[in-house]
Amino acid sequence: TREGDGLFPSSAGCTESGEGLEATTQPPEGSLLATPYLHPPATMICGACERELPHDSFSERQRGLRQSSRRCEECVAAGNQLVLM
């Protein structure tokens, strides 16, 4: 299995139905992961207006892009161009 290699969380406490999947613990010691598991960032930065906005200010497609390519729904609707980084 892949458990214990420091890359994947332990499945301890999880059931086959998926209960227990909410992240409440820190990544395993030595893990390269810096954020809790299964949680998207609470805020994201728009690459056009450069504001830090709530996650739901971006479409699903835009949320999947990196910051330099991502625009909030307001900037998409207004046709605001991305800021060169």
Protein backbone atom coordinates (compact mmCIF):
# COMPACT_ATOMS: atom_id res chain seq x y z
CA THR A 1 0.00 0.00 0.00
CA ARG A 2 0.95 3.64 -0.15
CA GLU A 3 0.23 4.35 3.52
CA GLY A 4 3.17 5.34 5.63
CA ASP A 5 5.20 6.83 2.77
CA GLY A 6 4.45 10.39 3.91
CA LEU A 7 2.60 11.29 0.72
CA PHE A 8 -0.91 10.10 1.53
CA PRO A 9 -2.99 10.52 4.66
CA SER A 10 -3.74 7.51 6.76
CA SER A 11 -7.18 6.06 6.17
CA ALA A 12 -7.61 5.51 9.91
CA GLY A 13 -11.00 6.73 11.05
CA CYS A 14 -12.56 6.53 7.58
CA THR A 15 -15.32 4.11 6.76
CA GLU A 16 -16.19 2.55 3.42
CA SER A 17 -19.14 4.95 3.16
CA GLY A 18 -16.73 7.89 3.15
CA GLU A 19 -17.47 9.06 6.66
CA GLY A 20 -14.51 10.67 8.32
CA LEU A 21 -13.14 12.25 5.15
CA GLU A 22 -13.40 15.80 6.43
CA ALA A 23 -9.94 17.14 7.09
CA THR A 24 -9.34 18.06 10.67
CA THR A 25 -5.73 17.03 11.01
CA GLN A 26 -2.47 18.37 9.73
CA PRO A 27 -0.57 16.57 6.93
CA PRO A 28 1.75 13.79 8.09
CA GLU A 29 5.12 14.97 9.37
CA GLY A 30 7.55 15.32 6.46
CA SER A 31 4.72 15.63 3.94
CA LEU A 32 5.05 18.15 1.13
CA LEU A 33 1.38 19.05 1.49
CA ALA A 34 0.91 22.44 3.12
CA THR A 35 -2.90 22.58 3.20
CA PRO A 36 -5.50 20.33 4.80
CA TYR A 37 -6.89 17.53 2.68
CA LEU A 38 -10.08 17.83 0.60
CA HIS A 39 -10.60 21.56 1.23
CA PRO A 40 -10.35 24.12 -1.59
CA PRO A 41 -8.78 27.45 -0.69
CA ALA A 42 -11.23 29.81 1.06
CA THR A 43 -10.10 32.71 -1.13
CA MET A 44 -8.41 33.10 -4.49
CA ILE A 45 -6.74 36.04 -6.24
CA CYS A 46 -8.10 37.30 -9.55
CA GLY A 47 -5.44 37.72 -12.24
CA ALA A 48 -7.25 40.75 -13.69
CA CYS A 49 -8.38 42.93 -10.76
CA GLU A 50 -5.82 41.35 -8.38
CA ARG A 51 -8.37 41.23 -5.54
CA GLU A 52 -8.52 38.38 -3.06
CA LEU A 53 -12.05 37.06 -3.37
CA PRO A 54 -14.11 34.20 -1.95
CA HIS A 55 -13.86 30.89 -3.76
CA ASP A 56 -17.42 31.22 -5.09
CA SER A 57 -16.57 34.48 -6.93
CA PHE A 58 -15.00 32.31 -9.64
CA SER A 59 -16.63 29.87 -12.04
CA GLU A 60 -15.66 26.23 -11.77
CA ARG A 61 -13.58 26.57 -14.94
CA GLN A 62 -11.77 29.67 -13.66
CA ARG A 63 -11.09 28.05 -10.27
CA GLY A 64 -9.17 25.33 -12.10
CA LEU A 65 -6.74 27.84 -13.63
CA ARG A 66 -3.59 29.20 -12.03
CA GLN A 67 -3.67 32.77 -10.68
CA SER A 68 -1.98 34.31 -13.72
CA SER A 69 -4.81 32.96 -15.92
CA ARG A 70 -7.78 33.12 -13.52
CA ARG A 71 -10.44 35.89 -13.58
CA CYS A 72 -13.35 36.42 -11.22
CA GLU A 73 -16.89 36.32 -12.63
CA GLU A 74 -17.09 40.13 -12.44
CA CYS A 75 -13.93 40.58 -14.53
CA VAL A 76 -15.05 37.94 -17.05
CA ALA A 77 -18.40 39.73 -17.47
CA ALA A 78 -16.70 43.15 -17.81
CA GLY A 79 -14.09 41.80 -20.23
CA ASN A 80 -11.21 42.88 -17.96
CA GLN A 81 -7.87 41.66 -19.24
CA LEU A 82 -5.32 39.76 -17.19
CA VAL A 83 -2.51 41.77 -15.56
CA LEU A 84 0.93 40.75 -16.78
CA MET A 85 2.99 39.27 -13.97
